[in-house]
Amino acid sequence: MMTKDRLIVALDVDNGQEARTLIGRLAGKVGCFKIGSRLFTREGPDLVREIVSSGEQVFLDLKYHDIPSITAAAALAAAQMGVAMLTLHTLGGAEMLEATVRGVGYWRESTERARPWLIGVTILTSMDSAALTRSGVDRPLDEMVLRLAAMAVTSGLDGIVTSPRELERLRMQGPPSLKIITPGVRPEWADRGDQTRVLTPYEAMRRGADYLVIGRPIICAVDPLAAVERILEEMEGAHDQRNQPLPTESR
């Protein structure tokens, strides 16, 4: 797999036109485009379908967290839109995660279509230990990430989202098939913004990330394509030859 397939661009923009402009510049140069709650709330499912129809892959990052039946139904709707990946918040608990895995699995069997990867979110990369304590969690941050990641694995999820700082322990303790998707990645030449647990693209790949999610260093650049090329050079230097492609119709 080419290094570019491991790079996911976060479309953290205000409207569909901005997203279309970025996709037009970067189509074929990156592996996937992430749509989060900011853009989805404004543009809705139509933009997702439009991007999928254009041949690009979409990572729908809405961090579903609700009662099991509602979360499973929401994930099913996302699967029907053709997204490649979607996120569930692991703090929703094992019953919620397992119900979603079952529901999307039944849909795949009945339609014979590829299902999206179900990715568990552990602790947001904007949170540090102090923020976790203020929210009422009295366990160490690293321990919580590992606990939630383990629950994601046992519940049948395909992968997890976690910050670069927890990568090495998760890679060592998780099964080889576990897909680790890492936001909070900032090149040395980029501003950290509101991320607290960050590493460079080179270090994140070296420590075991399968895919990197990068937004502002690319979408806020004067030349987004030049920023992508610079990031890919950093990733290439740490490439570990793992072969974990995004879902395809053969899956």
Protein backbone atom coordinates (compact mmCIF):
# COMPACT_ATOMS: atom_id res chain seq x y z
CA MET A 1 0.00 0.00 0.00
CA MET A 2 1.22 3.47 -0.84
CA THR A 3 1.96 5.86 2.01
CA LYS A 4 -0.70 8.29 0.75
CA ASP A 5 -3.37 5.68 1.52
CA ARG A 6 -2.51 6.02 5.21
CA LEU A 7 -3.24 9.76 5.28
CA ILE A 8 -6.77 10.91 6.17
CA VAL A 9 -7.55 14.60 5.69
CA ALA A 10 -9.99 16.07 8.19
CA LEU A 11 -12.46 18.36 6.40
CA ASP A 12 -12.88 20.66 9.40
CA VAL A 13 -14.39 23.46 7.34
CA ASP A 14 -17.58 25.49 7.51
CA ASN A 15 -19.44 24.43 4.39
CA GLY A 16 -19.66 22.05 1.49
CA GLN A 17 -18.09 24.41 -1.02
CA GLU A 18 -14.92 24.68 1.03
CA ALA A 19 -14.89 20.89 1.32
CA ARG A 20 -15.37 20.45 -2.43
CA THR A 21 -12.51 22.85 -3.16
CA LEU A 22 -10.16 20.90 -0.89
CA ILE A 23 -11.23 17.57 -2.32
CA GLY A 24 -10.69 18.91 -5.81
CA ARG A 25 -7.10 19.79 -4.92
CA LEU A 26 -6.33 16.59 -3.02
CA ALA A 27 -8.37 13.87 -4.77
CA GLY A 28 -6.18 10.88 -5.47
CA LYS A 29 -3.38 12.31 -3.32
CA VAL A 30 -4.65 11.03 0.05
CA GLY A 31 -6.44 7.90 1.23
CA CYS A 32 -9.62 9.29 2.73
CA PHE A 33 -11.51 12.42 3.76
CA LYS A 34 -12.92 12.74 7.28
CA ILE A 35 -16.24 14.44 7.89
CA GLY A 36 -16.98 15.37 11.48
CA SER A 37 -19.93 16.89 13.30
CA ARG A 38 -19.09 20.46 12.22
CA LEU A 39 -19.45 19.83 8.49
CA PHE A 40 -22.06 17.07 8.75
CA THR A 41 -24.40 19.25 10.81
CA ARG A 42 -24.32 21.95 8.15
CA GLU A 43 -24.40 19.81 4.98
CA GLY A 44 -25.89 16.48 6.06
CA PRO A 45 -25.81 13.10 4.31
CA ASP A 46 -26.01 14.55 0.79
CA LEU A 47 -22.41 15.74 0.90
CA VAL A 48 -21.28 12.34 2.14
CA ARG A 49 -23.06 10.61 -0.74
CA GLU A 50 -21.64 13.12 -3.21
CA ILE A 51 -18.06 12.46 -2.10
CA VAL A 52 -18.56 8.69 -2.10
CA SER A 53 -20.10 8.87 -5.57
CA SER A 54 -17.04 10.76 -6.82
CA GLY A 55 -14.87 7.76 -5.95
CA GLU A 56 -13.27 9.15 -2.79
CA GLN A 57 -13.52 7.42 0.58
CA VAL A 58 -15.22 9.01 3.58
CA PHE A 59 -14.43 8.56 7.27
CA LEU A 60 -17.59 9.64 9.10
CA ASP A 61 -16.45 10.83 12.51
CA LEU A 62 -19.63 11.48 14.50
CA LYS A 63 -18.59 9.49 17.58
CA TYR A 64 -21.94 7.79 18.03
CA HIS A 65 -22.80 7.50 21.73
CA ASP A 66 -26.39 6.60 22.60
CA ILE A 67 -28.50 3.67 23.72
CA PRO A 68 -27.58 0.48 21.82
CA SER A 69 -30.56 0.37 19.45
CA ILE A 70 -30.21 4.01 18.41
CA THR A 71 -26.45 3.76 17.87
CA ALA A 72 -26.83 0.58 15.82
CA ALA A 73 -29.50 2.24 13.66
CA ALA A 74 -27.32 5.32 13.13
CA ALA A 75 -24.36 3.17 12.11
CA LEU A 76 -26.58 1.26 9.69
CA ALA A 77 -27.65 4.53 8.06
CA ALA A 78 -23.98 5.49 7.69
CA ALA A 79 -23.18 2.12 6.13
CA GLN A 80 -25.98 2.61 3.61
CA MET A 81 -24.36 5.93 2.60
CA GLY A 82 -21.25 4.01 1.62
CA VAL A 83 -18.76 5.41 4.14
CA ALA A 84 -15.48 3.55 4.56
CA MET A 85 -15.20 4.07 8.32
CA LEU A 86 -17.27 5.49 11.15
CA THR A 87 -16.62 6.18 14.82
CA LEU A 88 -18.33 5.03 18.00
CA HIS A 89 -17.48 6.44 21.41
CA THR A 90 -16.29 3.55 23.57
CA LEU A 91 -17.59 5.28 26.70
CA GLY A 92 -21.02 4.19 25.44
CA GLY A 93 -20.17 0.75 26.80
CA ALA A 94 -19.79 -2.79 25.53
CA GLU A 95 -23.51 -3.40 24.96
CA MET A 96 -23.71 -0.40 22.64
CA LEU A 97 -20.60 -1.45 20.72
CA GLU A 98 -21.69 -5.08 20.37
CA ALA A 99 -25.20 -4.13 19.22
CA THR A 100 -23.70 -1.95 16.50
CA VAL A 101 -21.32 -4.67 15.35
CA ARG A 102 -24.25 -7.11 15.10
CA GLY A 103 -26.52 -4.68 13.30
CA VAL A 104 -23.99 -3.67 10.66
CA GLY A 105 -22.95 -7.31 10.31
CA TYR A 106 -26.53 -8.42 9.57
CA TRP A 107 -26.83 -5.67 6.96
CA ARG A 108 -23.64 -6.80 5.26
CA GLU A 109 -24.85 -10.41 5.12
CA SER A 110 -28.23 -9.45 3.69
CA THR A 111 -26.90 -7.03 1.08
CA GLU A 112 -23.50 -8.62 0.34
CA ARG A 113 -22.02 -5.12 0.38
CA ALA A 114 -18.82 -4.13 2.12
CA ARG A 115 -19.45 -2.76 5.57
CA PRO A 116 -17.53 0.18 6.98
CA TRP A 117 -14.86 -0.30 9.55
CA LEU A 118 -16.24 0.40 13.02
CA ILE A 119 -13.70 2.47 14.92
CA GLY A 120 -13.79 3.11 18.65
CA VAL A 121 -12.87 6.51 20.09
CA THR A 122 -11.15 6.28 23.47
CA ILE A 123 -10.14 9.61 25.07
CA LEU A 124 -10.22 12.76 22.97
CA THR A 125 -6.77 14.05 22.01
CA SER A 126 -7.71 17.49 23.35
CA MET A 127 -7.85 16.06 26.88
CA ASP A 128 -4.94 15.64 29.26
CA SER A 129 -4.83 14.01 32.69
CA ALA A 130 -6.06 17.13 34.47
CA ALA A 131 -9.04 17.47 32.13
CA LEU A 132 -9.91 13.81 32.63
CA THR A 133 -9.84 14.25 36.41
CA ARG A 134 -12.08 17.33 36.22
CA SER A 135 -14.60 15.28 34.25
CA GLY A 136 -14.87 12.84 37.16
CA VAL A 137 -12.58 10.03 35.96
CA ASP A 138 -10.08 9.29 38.69
CA ARG A 139 -7.99 6.74 36.81
CA PRO A 140 -4.77 7.62 34.96
CA LEU A 141 -5.32 8.68 31.37
CA ASP A 142 -3.12 5.94 29.90
CA GLU A 143 -4.98 3.30 31.89
CA MET A 144 -8.36 4.55 30.68
CA VAL A 145 -7.23 4.51 27.05
CA LEU A 146 -6.02 0.92 27.38
CA ARG A 147 -9.21 -0.20 29.14
CA LEU A 148 -11.43 1.37 26.50
CA ALA A 149 -9.31 0.00 23.67
CA ALA A 150 -9.52 -3.50 25.15
CA MET A 151 -13.31 -3.22 25.35
CA ALA A 152 -13.42 -2.10 21.72
CA VAL A 153 -11.46 -5.19 20.69
CA THR A 154 -13.55 -7.65 22.70
CA SER A 155 -16.74 -6.02 21.38
CA GLY A 156 -15.69 -6.75 17.80
CA LEU A 157 -14.68 -3.31 16.55
CA ASP A 158 -12.17 -3.11 13.70
CA GLY A 159 -9.94 -0.46 15.21
CA ILE A 160 -9.54 2.45 17.55
CA VAL A 161 -8.77 6.14 17.47
CA THR A 162 -6.11 7.15 19.94
CA SER A 163 -3.55 9.86 20.46
CA PRO A 164 0.09 9.36 19.42
CA ARG A 165 1.18 9.16 23.05
CA GLU A 166 -0.56 5.83 23.68
CA LEU A 167 0.48 4.24 20.40
CA GLU A 168 3.36 2.03 21.48
CA ARG A 169 1.51 0.32 24.35
CA LEU A 170 -1.59 -0.21 22.24
CA ARG A 171 0.40 -1.64 19.37
CA MET A 172 2.17 -4.06 21.73
CA GLN A 173 -0.96 -5.11 23.64
CA GLY A 174 -3.55 -5.15 20.85
CA PRO A 175 -4.03 -7.91 18.26
CA PRO A 176 -2.02 -7.53 15.03
CA SER A 177 -5.23 -6.97 13.07
CA LEU A 178 -6.21 -3.94 15.16
CA LYS A 179 -6.28 -0.78 13.06
CA ILE A 180 -4.96 2.25 14.92
CA ILE A 181 -6.05 5.63 13.61
CA THR A 182 -4.26 8.59 15.10
CA PRO A 183 -5.37 12.23 15.18
CA GLY A 184 -3.49 14.88 17.12
CA VAL A 185 -0.63 14.68 14.63
CA ARG A 186 1.24 17.91 14.04
CA PRO A 187 4.32 18.40 11.86
CA GLU A 188 7.04 20.43 13.57
CA TRP A 189 6.27 23.32 11.24
CA ALA A 190 2.57 23.45 12.22
CA ASP A 191 0.75 25.02 15.17
CA ARG A 192 -0.55 22.57 17.80
CA GLY A 193 -3.93 24.30 18.11
CA ASP A 194 -6.07 22.74 20.88
CA GLN A 195 -4.37 19.35 20.74
CA THR A 196 -2.40 18.39 23.85
CA ARG A 197 -1.12 14.83 23.23
CA VAL A 198 0.64 15.24 19.90
CA LEU A 199 3.55 13.84 17.87
CA THR A 200 4.94 14.50 14.42
CA PRO A 201 3.83 12.35 11.46
CA TYR A 202 7.21 10.61 11.49
CA GLU A 203 7.02 9.71 15.18
CA ALA A 204 3.37 8.64 15.02
CA MET A 205 4.10 6.22 12.17
CA ARG A 206 7.28 4.97 13.83
CA ARG A 207 5.37 4.18 17.03
CA GLY A 208 2.79 2.07 15.22
CA ALA A 209 -0.04 4.16 13.76
CA ASP A 210 -1.73 2.63 10.73
CA TYR A 211 -3.47 5.83 9.62
CA LEU A 212 -2.96 9.49 10.47
CA VAL A 213 -5.77 12.05 10.62
CA ILE A 214 -4.52 15.55 9.89
CA GLY A 215 -6.64 18.66 9.43
CA ARG A 216 -5.46 22.20 10.04
CA PRO A 217 -1.84 21.80 8.90
CA ILE A 218 -3.29 20.85 5.50
CA ILE A 219 -6.59 22.68 5.13
CA CYS A 220 -5.25 25.97 6.51
CA ALA A 221 -2.10 25.88 4.39
CA VAL A 222 -1.63 28.36 1.57
CA ASP A 223 -0.97 25.33 -0.65
CA PRO A 224 -2.76 22.26 0.78
CA LEU A 225 -1.21 19.91 -1.78
CA ALA A 226 2.30 21.07 -0.90
CA ALA A 227 1.49 20.48 2.79
CA VAL A 228 0.27 16.95 1.96
CA GLU A 229 3.44 16.19 0.02
CA ARG A 230 5.59 17.43 2.89
CA ILE A 231 3.67 15.28 5.40
CA LEU A 232 3.89 12.22 3.15
CA GLU A 233 7.66 12.60 3.03
CA GLU A 234 7.74 12.48 6.84
CA MET A 235 5.47 9.44 6.90
CA GLU A 236 7.49 7.66 4.25
CA GLY A 237 10.58 7.90 6.41
CA ALA A 238 8.87 5.90 9.15
CA HIS A 239 6.91 3.45 6.99
CA ASP A 240 6.80 0.02 8.69
CA GLN A 241 5.39 -1.91 5.71
CA ARG A 242 2.16 -2.97 7.43
CA ASN A 243 -0.53 -3.59 4.86
CA GLN A 244 -3.87 -2.36 6.18
CA PRO A 245 -5.87 -0.94 3.26
CA LEU A 246 -9.20 0.79 3.71
CA PRO A 247 -12.33 -1.30 3.07
CA THR A 248 -13.23 -2.19 -0.51
CA GLU A 249 -16.15 -4.00 -2.08
CA SER A 250 -14.17 -7.25 -1.89
CA ARG A 251 -14.10 -7.10 1.90
